[in-house]
Amino acid sequence: MSRASYNDLLEAGVHFGHLKRKWNPNMAPYIFMEKNGIHIIDLNKTAVKLDEAAEALKQIAKSGKKIMFVATKKQAKEAVATVAKGINMPYVTERWPGGMLTNFATIRKAVKKMSMIDKMKTDGTFDVIAKKEKLLITREREKLEKTLGSISDLTRLPQALFIVDITKEHIAVAEAKRLGIVTFAIVDTNSNPNVVDYAIPANDDATKSIQLILDVIGAAVVEGLSERKVDKDKDGDEAEGAADATKAERGEVGEDGKRKRRTKETKA
């Protein structure tokens, strides 16, 4: 069963593409028809591609790897931030900093600088520096927070990127491709679906359309994280059981489960 029904996609306006004159020919397989000069996306194909992307992201989340969400356009920023925060994943909703991925070491240094400034505020350093210098440092901290605050917990490159509007976020797509990072994206009729690994043909301008797809993706990631937790708990129980069995064979575990030494029988 599809994660999003045909009617849900239809009501959210997922099928509305761009004007015909703005189309990308590579989107032809996903276009159902043209109406009043606007391309209409085939929602049956959208549902299939959405399911494929959701399942792949679920497996990535289950493996414990990070997925970075990217959307700097006004219609998607709030929705992306809400979903990413809810599943504890990094996200970028302000301007994409060039080299975010390809120059990750430098980005990490900037994040560490944020931590250093925070430490200055608590260890008394701020109390002894000049007022003007304090103001400059505070402004720098605010600037760093705006652009990098949402990825402050990211200590290594993400396993995947989920992007809204690959035409606008072409730098992020290029960096991910260069590093072999798996890319997922909402792709409208004016973009080339071949530049990403998992393209979801859909309206990337309407807030309702973006929200619906993000909800499906978010739910899939939650499933993956839940299954990961269950597997870890199961492995822990099995390891504990195996350890108890080994001890029992050695005569080191009694019926009450407590460790006790084996005593040698002596003949009278």
C-alpha atoms as a PDB file:
ATOM      1  CA  MET A   1       0.000   0.000   0.000  1.00  0.00           C
ATOM      2  CA  SER A   2       1.280   3.431  -0.932  1.00  0.00           C
ATOM      3  CA  ARG A   3       2.431   5.733   1.879  1.00  0.00           C
ATOM      4  CA  ALA A   4       0.436   8.593   0.318  1.00  0.00           C
ATOM      5  CA  SER A   5      -2.887   8.008  -1.448  1.00  0.00           C
ATOM      6  CA  TYR A   6      -3.732   9.427  -4.844  1.00  0.00           C
ATOM      7  CA  ASN A   7      -6.407  11.646  -3.291  1.00  0.00           C
ATOM      8  CA  ASP A   8      -3.996  13.010  -0.684  1.00  0.00           C
ATOM      9  CA  LEU A   9      -1.519  13.953  -3.393  1.00  0.00           C
ATOM     10  CA  LEU A  10      -4.280  15.496  -5.488  1.00  0.00           C
ATOM     11  CA  GLU A  11      -5.703  17.581  -2.634  1.00  0.00           C
ATOM     12  CA  ALA A  12      -2.232  18.885  -1.768  1.00  0.00           C
ATOM     13  CA  GLY A  13      -1.703  20.101  -5.333  1.00  0.00           C
ATOM     14  CA  VAL A  14       1.297  17.857  -5.887  1.00  0.00           C
ATOM     15  CA  HIS A  15       0.314  17.462  -9.553  1.00  0.00           C
ATOM     16  CA  PHE A  16       0.781  21.101 -10.557  1.00  0.00           C
ATOM     17  CA  GLY A  17       3.977  21.631 -12.544  1.00  0.00           C
ATOM     18  CA  HIS A  18       5.503  24.725 -14.122  1.00  0.00           C
ATOM     19  CA  LEU A  19       4.575  26.507 -17.319  1.00  0.00           C
ATOM     20  CA  LYS A  20       5.210  24.431 -20.431  1.00  0.00           C
ATOM     21  CA  ARG A  21       7.846  26.886 -21.714  1.00  0.00           C
ATOM     22  CA  LYS A  22       9.899  26.362 -18.544  1.00  0.00           C
ATOM     23  CA  TRP A  23       9.908  22.579 -18.604  1.00  0.00           C
ATOM     24  CA  ASN A  24      12.919  20.299 -18.591  1.00  0.00           C
ATOM     25  CA  PRO A  25      12.612  17.555 -21.261  1.00  0.00           C
ATOM     26  CA  ASN A  26      14.051  14.992 -18.856  1.00  0.00           C
ATOM     27  CA  MET A  27      10.822  15.259 -16.862  1.00  0.00           C
ATOM     28  CA  ALA A  28       8.768  13.970 -19.802  1.00  0.00           C
ATOM     29  CA  PRO A  29       8.265  10.455 -18.312  1.00  0.00           C
ATOM     30  CA  TYR A  30       6.579  11.992 -15.264  1.00  0.00           C
ATOM     31  CA  ILE A  31       4.247  14.419 -17.054  1.00  0.00           C
ATOM     32  CA  PHE A  32       0.654  13.266 -17.467  1.00  0.00           C
ATOM     33  CA  MET A  33      -0.666  16.097 -19.662  1.00  0.00           C
ATOM     34  CA  GLU A  34      -0.646  19.817 -20.357  1.00  0.00           C
ATOM     35  CA  LYS A  35      -3.543  22.028 -19.303  1.00  0.00           C
ATOM     36  CA  ASN A  36      -3.808  25.770 -19.904  1.00  0.00           C
ATOM     37  CA  GLY A  37      -0.111  25.969 -20.625  1.00  0.00           C
ATOM     38  CA  ILE A  38       0.832  24.190 -17.374  1.00  0.00           C
ATOM     39  CA  HIS A  39       2.255  20.688 -17.136  1.00  0.00           C
ATOM     40  CA  ILE A  40       0.363  18.219 -14.945  1.00  0.00           C
ATOM     41  CA  ILE A  41       2.465  15.624 -13.114  1.00  0.00           C
ATOM     42  CA  ASP A  42       1.407  11.963 -13.160  1.00  0.00           C
ATOM     43  CA  LEU A  43       0.499  11.301  -9.519  1.00  0.00           C
ATOM     44  CA  ASN A  44       0.657   7.536  -9.931  1.00  0.00           C
ATOM     45  CA  LYS A  45       4.350   7.852 -10.734  1.00  0.00           C
ATOM     46  CA  THR A  46       4.796  10.329  -7.902  1.00  0.00           C
ATOM     47  CA  ALA A  47       3.346   7.797  -5.448  1.00  0.00           C
ATOM     48  CA  VAL A  48       5.724   5.079  -6.685  1.00  0.00           C
ATOM     49  CA  LYS A  49       8.794   7.316  -6.500  1.00  0.00           C
ATOM     50  CA  LEU A  50       7.781   8.624  -3.083  1.00  0.00           C
ATOM     51  CA  ASP A  51       7.505   5.067  -1.748  1.00  0.00           C
ATOM     52  CA  GLU A  52      10.920   4.167  -3.176  1.00  0.00           C
ATOM     53  CA  ALA A  53      12.545   7.228  -1.623  1.00  0.00           C
ATOM     54  CA  ALA A  54      10.814   6.689   1.737  1.00  0.00           C
ATOM     55  CA  GLU A  55      11.934   3.057   1.924  1.00  0.00           C
ATOM     56  CA  ALA A  56      15.546   3.949   1.063  1.00  0.00           C
ATOM     57  CA  LEU A  57      15.611   6.730   3.674  1.00  0.00           C
ATOM     58  CA  LYS A  58      14.100   4.363   6.230  1.00  0.00           C
ATOM     59  CA  GLN A  59      17.007   1.953   5.706  1.00  0.00           C
ATOM     60  CA  ILE A  60      19.558   4.769   6.011  1.00  0.00           C
ATOM     61  CA  ALA A  61      17.992   5.886   9.294  1.00  0.00           C
ATOM     62  CA  LYS A  62      17.916   2.272  10.489  1.00  0.00           C
ATOM     63  CA  SER A  63      21.672   2.033   9.852  1.00  0.00           C
ATOM     64  CA  GLY A  64      22.234   4.970  12.200  1.00  0.00           C
ATOM     65  CA  LYS A  65      23.493   7.380   9.520  1.00  0.00           C
ATOM     66  CA  LYS A  66      22.484  11.047   9.279  1.00  0.00           C
ATOM     67  CA  ILE A  67      20.228  12.578   6.620  1.00  0.00           C
ATOM     68  CA  MET A  68      20.607  16.292   5.925  1.00  0.00           C
ATOM     69  CA  PHE A  69      17.518  18.234   4.802  1.00  0.00           C
ATOM     70  CA  VAL A  70      18.086  21.208   2.500  1.00  0.00           C
ATOM     71  CA  ALA A  71      15.540  23.887   1.541  1.00  0.00           C
ATOM     72  CA  THR A  72      16.245  27.596   1.423  1.00  0.00           C
ATOM     73  CA  LYS A  73      13.133  28.695  -0.477  1.00  0.00           C
ATOM     74  CA  LYS A  74      10.513  30.549   1.537  1.00  0.00           C
ATOM     75  CA  GLN A  75       7.694  28.035   0.987  1.00  0.00           C
ATOM     76  CA  ALA A  76       9.723  25.112   2.347  1.00  0.00           C
ATOM     77  CA  LYS A  77      11.923  26.535   5.116  1.00  0.00           C
ATOM     78  CA  GLU A  78       9.509  26.212   8.022  1.00  0.00           C
ATOM     79  CA  ALA A  79       8.219  22.780   7.020  1.00  0.00           C
ATOM     80  CA  VAL A  80      11.721  21.375   6.575  1.00  0.00           C
ATOM     81  CA  ALA A  81      12.946  22.807   9.885  1.00  0.00           C
ATOM     82  CA  THR A  82       9.954  21.352  11.763  1.00  0.00           C
ATOM     83  CA  VAL A  83      10.285  17.863  10.283  1.00  0.00           C
ATOM     84  CA  ALA A  84      14.087  17.732  10.648  1.00  0.00           C
ATOM     85  CA  LYS A  85      13.940  18.848  14.290  1.00  0.00           C
ATOM     86  CA  GLY A  86      11.249  16.271  15.011  1.00  0.00           C
ATOM     87  CA  ILE A  87      13.481  13.411  13.834  1.00  0.00           C
ATOM     88  CA  ASN A  88      16.730  14.938  15.142  1.00  0.00           C
ATOM     89  CA  MET A  89      18.357  15.348  11.737  1.00  0.00           C
ATOM     90  CA  PRO A  90      20.554  18.235  10.514  1.00  0.00           C
ATOM     91  CA  TYR A  91      19.052  20.769   8.132  1.00  0.00           C
ATOM     92  CA  VAL A  92      19.909  23.899   6.149  1.00  0.00           C
ATOM     93  CA  THR A  93      17.201  26.497   5.596  1.00  0.00           C
ATOM     94  CA  GLU A  94      19.346  29.610   5.213  1.00  0.00           C
ATOM     95  CA  ARG A  95      21.796  30.261   2.390  1.00  0.00           C
ATOM     96  CA  TRP A  96      23.812  27.149   1.540  1.00  0.00           C
ATOM     97  CA  PRO A  97      27.423  27.888   2.572  1.00  0.00           C
ATOM     98  CA  GLY A  98      29.734  26.957  -0.307  1.00  0.00           C
ATOM     99  CA  GLY A  99      31.862  23.993   0.758  1.00  0.00           C
ATOM    100  CA  MET A 100      29.389  22.808   3.381  1.00  0.00           C
ATOM    101  CA  LEU A 101      30.202  19.235   2.322  1.00  0.00           C
ATOM    102  CA  THR A 102      33.366  19.430   0.227  1.00  0.00           C
ATOM    103  CA  ASN A 103      35.101  21.606   2.821  1.00  0.00           C
ATOM    104  CA  PHE A 104      33.485  20.050   5.865  1.00  0.00           C
ATOM    105  CA  ALA A 105      36.580  20.380   8.068  1.00  0.00           C
ATOM    106  CA  THR A 106      36.421  24.186   7.792  1.00  0.00           C
ATOM    107  CA  ILE A 107      32.703  24.161   8.564  1.00  0.00           C
ATOM    108  CA  ARG A 108      33.405  22.096  11.689  1.00  0.00           C
ATOM    109  CA  LYS A 109      35.955  24.695  12.815  1.00  0.00           C
ATOM    110  CA  ALA A 110      33.278  27.386  12.536  1.00  0.00           C
ATOM    111  CA  VAL A 111      30.911  25.244  14.623  1.00  0.00           C
ATOM    112  CA  LYS A 112      33.633  24.757  17.242  1.00  0.00           C
ATOM    113  CA  LYS A 113      34.081  28.525  17.320  1.00  0.00           C
ATOM    114  CA  MET A 114      30.431  28.815  18.349  1.00  0.00           C
ATOM    115  CA  SER A 115      31.091  26.434  21.218  1.00  0.00           C
ATOM    116  CA  MET A 116      34.177  28.403  22.198  1.00  0.00           C
ATOM    117  CA  ILE A 117      32.189  31.645  22.371  1.00  0.00           C
ATOM    118  CA  ASP A 118      29.542  29.942  24.493  1.00  0.00           C
ATOM    119  CA  LYS A 119      32.285  28.761  26.849  1.00  0.00           C
ATOM    120  CA  MET A 120      33.626  32.335  27.084  1.00  0.00           C
ATOM    121  CA  LYS A 121      30.227  33.459  28.337  1.00  0.00           C
ATOM    122  CA  THR A 122      30.238  30.911  31.148  1.00  0.00           C
ATOM    123  CA  ASP A 123      33.861  30.885  32.286  1.00  0.00           C
ATOM    124  CA  GLY A 124      34.073  34.620  33.030  1.00  0.00           C
ATOM    125  CA  THR A 125      36.071  35.640  29.929  1.00  0.00           C
ATOM    126  CA  PHE A 126      33.267  37.956  28.796  1.00  0.00           C
ATOM    127  CA  ASP A 127      33.524  39.879  32.053  1.00  0.00           C
ATOM    128  CA  VAL A 128      37.082  41.048  31.406  1.00  0.00           C
ATOM    129  CA  ILE A 129      36.985  41.986  27.703  1.00  0.00           C
ATOM    130  CA  ALA A 130      36.074  45.419  26.337  1.00  0.00           C
ATOM    131  CA  LYS A 131      32.417  46.216  25.634  1.00  0.00           C
ATOM    132  CA  LYS A 132      33.061  46.777  21.918  1.00  0.00           C
ATOM    133  CA  GLU A 133      34.905  43.472  21.546  1.00  0.00           C
ATOM    134  CA  LYS A 134      32.128  41.722  23.436  1.00  0.00           C
ATOM    135  CA  LEU A 135      29.567  43.163  20.993  1.00  0.00           C
ATOM    136  CA  LEU A 136      31.588  42.001  17.958  1.00  0.00           C
ATOM    137  CA  ILE A 137      31.925  38.475  19.348  1.00  0.00           C
ATOM    138  CA  THR A 138      28.198  38.320  20.129  1.00  0.00           C
ATOM    139  CA  ARG A 139      27.309  39.406  16.586  1.00  0.00           C
ATOM    140  CA  GLU A 140      29.669  36.803  15.139  1.00  0.00           C
ATOM    141  CA  ARG A 141      28.030  34.135  17.303  1.00  0.00           C
ATOM    142  CA  GLU A 142      24.572  35.150  16.078  1.00  0.00           C
ATOM    143  CA  LYS A 143      25.721  35.028  12.452  1.00  0.00           C
ATOM    144  CA  LEU A 144      27.213  31.565  12.897  1.00  0.00           C
ATOM    145  CA  GLU A 145      24.076  30.357  14.682  1.00  0.00           C
ATOM    146  CA  LYS A 146      21.880  31.509  11.816  1.00  0.00           C
ATOM    147  CA  THR A 147      23.836  29.619   9.162  1.00  0.00           C
ATOM    148  CA  LEU A 148      25.313  26.674  11.062  1.00  0.00           C
ATOM    149  CA  GLY A 149      23.246  26.275  14.237  1.00  0.00           C
ATOM    150  CA  SER A 150      21.070  23.572  12.692  1.00  0.00           C
ATOM    151  CA  ILE A 151      24.092  21.384  11.891  1.00  0.00           C
ATOM    152  CA  SER A 152      26.029  21.957  15.129  1.00  0.00           C
ATOM    153  CA  ASP A 153      25.598  18.295  16.151  1.00  0.00           C
ATOM    154  CA  LEU A 154      26.819  16.955  12.793  1.00  0.00           C
ATOM    155  CA  THR A 155      30.304  15.551  13.464  1.00  0.00           C
ATOM    156  CA  ARG A 156      30.736  13.745  10.154  1.00  0.00           C
ATOM    157  CA  LEU A 157      29.398  13.939   6.613  1.00  0.00           C
ATOM    158  CA  PRO A 158      25.762  12.853   6.220  1.00  0.00           C
ATOM    159  CA  GLN A 159      24.902   9.651   4.394  1.00  0.00           C
ATOM    160  CA  ALA A 160      22.163  11.348   2.374  1.00  0.00           C
ATOM    161  CA  LEU A 161      20.673  14.700   1.398  1.00  0.00           C
ATOM    162  CA  PHE A 162      16.961  15.402   1.020  1.00  0.00           C
ATOM    163  CA  ILE A 163      16.486  18.508  -1.121  1.00  0.00           C
ATOM    164  CA  VAL A 164      13.524  20.684  -2.015  1.00  0.00           C
ATOM    165  CA  ASP A 165      14.039  22.313  -5.448  1.00  0.00           C
ATOM    166  CA  ILE A 166      17.274  21.009  -6.976  1.00  0.00           C
ATOM    167  CA  THR A 167      17.454  23.934  -9.401  1.00  0.00           C
ATOM    168  CA  LYS A 168      17.741  26.398  -6.535  1.00  0.00           C
ATOM    169  CA  GLU A 169      19.978  24.095  -4.478  1.00  0.00           C
ATOM    170  CA  HIS A 170      22.251  23.097  -7.370  1.00  0.00           C
ATOM    171  CA  ILE A 171      25.424  23.749  -5.338  1.00  0.00           C
ATOM    172  CA  ALA A 172      24.314  21.315  -2.631  1.00  0.00           C
ATOM    173  CA  VAL A 173      23.489  18.703  -5.297  1.00  0.00           C
ATOM    174  CA  ALA A 174      26.893  19.167  -6.960  1.00  0.00           C
ATOM    175  CA  GLU A 175      28.790  18.823  -3.668  1.00  0.00           C
ATOM    176  CA  ALA A 176      26.862  15.693  -2.693  1.00  0.00           C
ATOM    177  CA  LYS A 177      27.445  14.131  -6.102  1.00  0.00           C
ATOM    178  CA  ARG A 178      31.167  14.867  -5.905  1.00  0.00           C
ATOM    179  CA  LEU A 179      31.431  13.094  -2.537  1.00  0.00           C
ATOM    180  CA  GLY A 180      29.171  10.172  -3.432  1.00  0.00           C
ATOM    181  CA  ILE A 181      26.456  11.186  -0.955  1.00  0.00           C
ATOM    182  CA  VAL A 182      23.026   9.762  -1.849  1.00  0.00           C
ATOM    183  CA  THR A 183      20.590  12.457  -2.971  1.00  0.00           C
ATOM    184  CA  PHE A 184      16.801  12.522  -2.609  1.00  0.00           C
ATOM    185  CA  ALA A 185      14.733  15.425  -3.919  1.00  0.00           C
ATOM    186  CA  ILE A 186      11.350  16.858  -4.733  1.00  0.00           C
ATOM    187  CA  VAL A 187      11.726  17.569  -8.456  1.00  0.00           C
ATOM    188  CA  ASP A 188       9.367  19.858 -10.358  1.00  0.00           C
ATOM    189  CA  THR A 189       8.860  19.942 -14.140  1.00  0.00           C
ATOM    190  CA  ASN A 190      11.505  22.655 -14.611  1.00  0.00           C
ATOM    191  CA  SER A 191      14.325  20.500 -13.176  1.00  0.00           C
ATOM    192  CA  ASN A 192      16.425  17.570 -14.329  1.00  0.00           C
ATOM    193  CA  PRO A 193      15.566  14.428 -12.301  1.00  0.00           C
ATOM    194  CA  ASN A 194      18.689  12.660 -13.549  1.00  0.00           C
ATOM    195  CA  VAL A 195      21.052  14.702 -11.356  1.00  0.00           C
ATOM    196  CA  VAL A 196      19.765  13.055  -8.150  1.00  0.00           C
ATOM    197  CA  ASP A 197      19.599   9.407  -7.091  1.00  0.00           C
ATOM    198  CA  TYR A 198      15.957   9.443  -5.965  1.00  0.00           C
ATOM    199  CA  ALA A 199      13.715  11.976  -7.698  1.00  0.00           C
ATOM    200  CA  ILE A 200      10.159  12.528  -6.456  1.00  0.00           C
ATOM    201  CA  PRO A 201       8.216  14.285  -9.247  1.00  0.00           C
ATOM    202  CA  ALA A 202       6.071  16.865  -7.483  1.00  0.00           C
ATOM    203  CA  ASN A 203       5.148  20.498  -7.077  1.00  0.00           C
ATOM    204  CA  ASP A 204       8.056  22.100  -5.180  1.00  0.00           C
ATOM    205  CA  ASP A 205       6.452  25.554  -4.923  1.00  0.00           C
ATOM    206  CA  ALA A 206       3.252  24.877  -2.973  1.00  0.00           C
ATOM    207  CA  THR A 207       3.596  24.635   0.810  1.00  0.00           C
ATOM    208  CA  LYS A 208       0.901  21.924   1.083  1.00  0.00           C
ATOM    209  CA  SER A 209       2.637  19.775  -1.514  1.00  0.00           C
ATOM    210  CA  ILE A 210       6.023  20.107   0.196  1.00  0.00           C
ATOM    211  CA  GLN A 211       4.502  19.448   3.633  1.00  0.00           C
ATOM    212  CA  LEU A 212       2.744  16.255   2.525  1.00  0.00           C
ATOM    213  CA  ILE A 213       5.903  14.757   1.049  1.00  0.00           C
ATOM    214  CA  LEU A 214       7.987  15.787   4.056  1.00  0.00           C
ATOM    215  CA  ASP A 215       5.448  14.173   6.391  1.00  0.00           C
ATOM    216  CA  VAL A 216       5.756  10.885   4.489  1.00  0.00           C
ATOM    217  CA  ILE A 217       9.550  11.064   4.501  1.00  0.00           C
ATOM    218  CA  GLY A 218       9.633  12.006   8.187  1.00  0.00           C
ATOM    219  CA  ALA A 219       7.378   9.069   9.085  1.00  0.00           C
ATOM    220  CA  ALA A 220       9.647   6.678   7.149  1.00  0.00           C
ATOM    221  CA  VAL A 221      12.722   7.951   9.006  1.00  0.00           C
ATOM    222  CA  VAL A 222      10.939   7.507  12.352  1.00  0.00           C
ATOM    223  CA  GLU A 223      10.161   3.904  11.363  1.00  0.00           C
ATOM    224  CA  GLY A 224      13.818   3.309  10.589  1.00  0.00           C
ATOM    225  CA  LEU A 225      14.958   4.791  13.887  1.00  0.00           C
ATOM    226  CA  SER A 226      12.390   2.720  15.810  1.00  0.00           C
ATOM    227  CA  GLU A 227      13.486  -0.500  14.113  1.00  0.00           C
ATOM    228  CA  ARG A 228      17.108   0.350  14.893  1.00  0.00           C
ATOM    229  CA  LYS A 229      16.248   0.725  18.576  1.00  0.00           C
ATOM    230  CA  VAL A 230      14.359  -2.588  18.608  1.00  0.00           C
ATOM    231  CA  ASP A 231      17.282  -4.381  16.928  1.00  0.00           C
ATOM    232  CA  LYS A 232      19.770  -2.915  19.413  1.00  0.00           C
ATOM    233  CA  ASP A 233      17.622  -3.980  22.367  1.00  0.00           C
ATOM    234  CA  LYS A 234      17.236  -7.457  20.867  1.00  0.00           C
ATOM    235  CA  ASP A 235      20.987  -7.792  20.270  1.00  0.00           C
ATOM    236  CA  GLY A 236      21.619  -6.664  23.841  1.00  0.00           C
ATOM    237  CA  ASP A 237      19.233  -9.276  25.237  1.00  0.00           C
ATOM    238  CA  GLU A 238      20.769 -12.007  23.069  1.00  0.00           C
ATOM    239  CA  ALA A 239      24.279 -11.051  24.146  1.00  0.00           C
ATOM    240  CA  GLU A 240      23.217 -11.100  27.800  1.00  0.00           C
ATOM    241  CA  GLY A 241      21.542 -14.470  27.345  1.00  0.00           C
ATOM    242  CA  ALA A 242      24.631 -15.908  25.654  1.00  0.00           C
ATOM    243  CA  ALA A 243      26.826 -14.644  28.494  1.00  0.00           C
ATOM    244  CA  ASP A 244      24.540 -16.255  31.105  1.00  0.00           C
ATOM    245  CA  ALA A 245      24.549 -19.523  29.164  1.00  0.00           C
ATOM    246  CA  THR A 246      28.342 -19.546  29.073  1.00  0.00           C
ATOM    247  CA  LYS A 247      28.524 -18.909  32.806  1.00  0.00           C
ATOM    248  CA  ALA A 248      25.975 -21.661  33.454  1.00  0.00           C
ATOM    249  CA  GLU A 249      28.103 -24.143  31.522  1.00  0.00           C
ATOM    250  CA  ARG A 250      31.039 -23.224  33.740  1.00  0.00           C
ATOM    251  CA  GLY A 251      28.897 -23.654  36.845  1.00  0.00           C
ATOM    252  CA  GLU A 252      29.110 -19.974  37.663  1.00  0.00           C
ATOM    253  CA  VAL A 253      25.403 -19.129  37.531  1.00  0.00           C
ATOM    254  CA  GLY A 254      22.814 -20.566  39.886  1.00  0.00           C
ATOM    255  CA  GLU A 255      19.058 -20.907  39.480  1.00  0.00           C
ATOM    256  CA  ASP A 256      18.537 -17.464  40.951  1.00  0.00           C
ATOM    257  CA  GLY A 257      20.673 -15.923  38.184  1.00  0.00           C
ATOM    258  CA  LYS A 258      23.363 -14.794  40.578  1.00  0.00           C
ATOM    259  CA  ARG A 259      27.026 -15.634  40.052  1.00  0.00           C
ATOM    260  CA  LYS A 260      28.468 -18.126  42.483  1.00  0.00           C
ATOM    261  CA  ARG A 261      31.585 -20.111  42.575  1.00  0.00           C
ATOM    262  CA  ARG A 262      31.686 -23.778  41.826  1.00  0.00           C
ATOM    263  CA  THR A 263      32.722 -25.807  44.827  1.00  0.00           C
ATOM    264  CA  LYS A 264      34.568 -29.037  44.445  1.00  0.00           C
ATOM    265  CA  GLU A 265      33.086 -32.101  45.987  1.00  0.00           C
ATOM    266  CA  THR A 266      35.342 -33.942  48.319  1.00  0.00           C
ATOM    267  CA  LYS A 267      34.978 -37.563  49.161  1.00  0.00           C
ATOM    268  CA  ALA A 268      34.773 -38.539  52.720  1.00  0.00           C
END
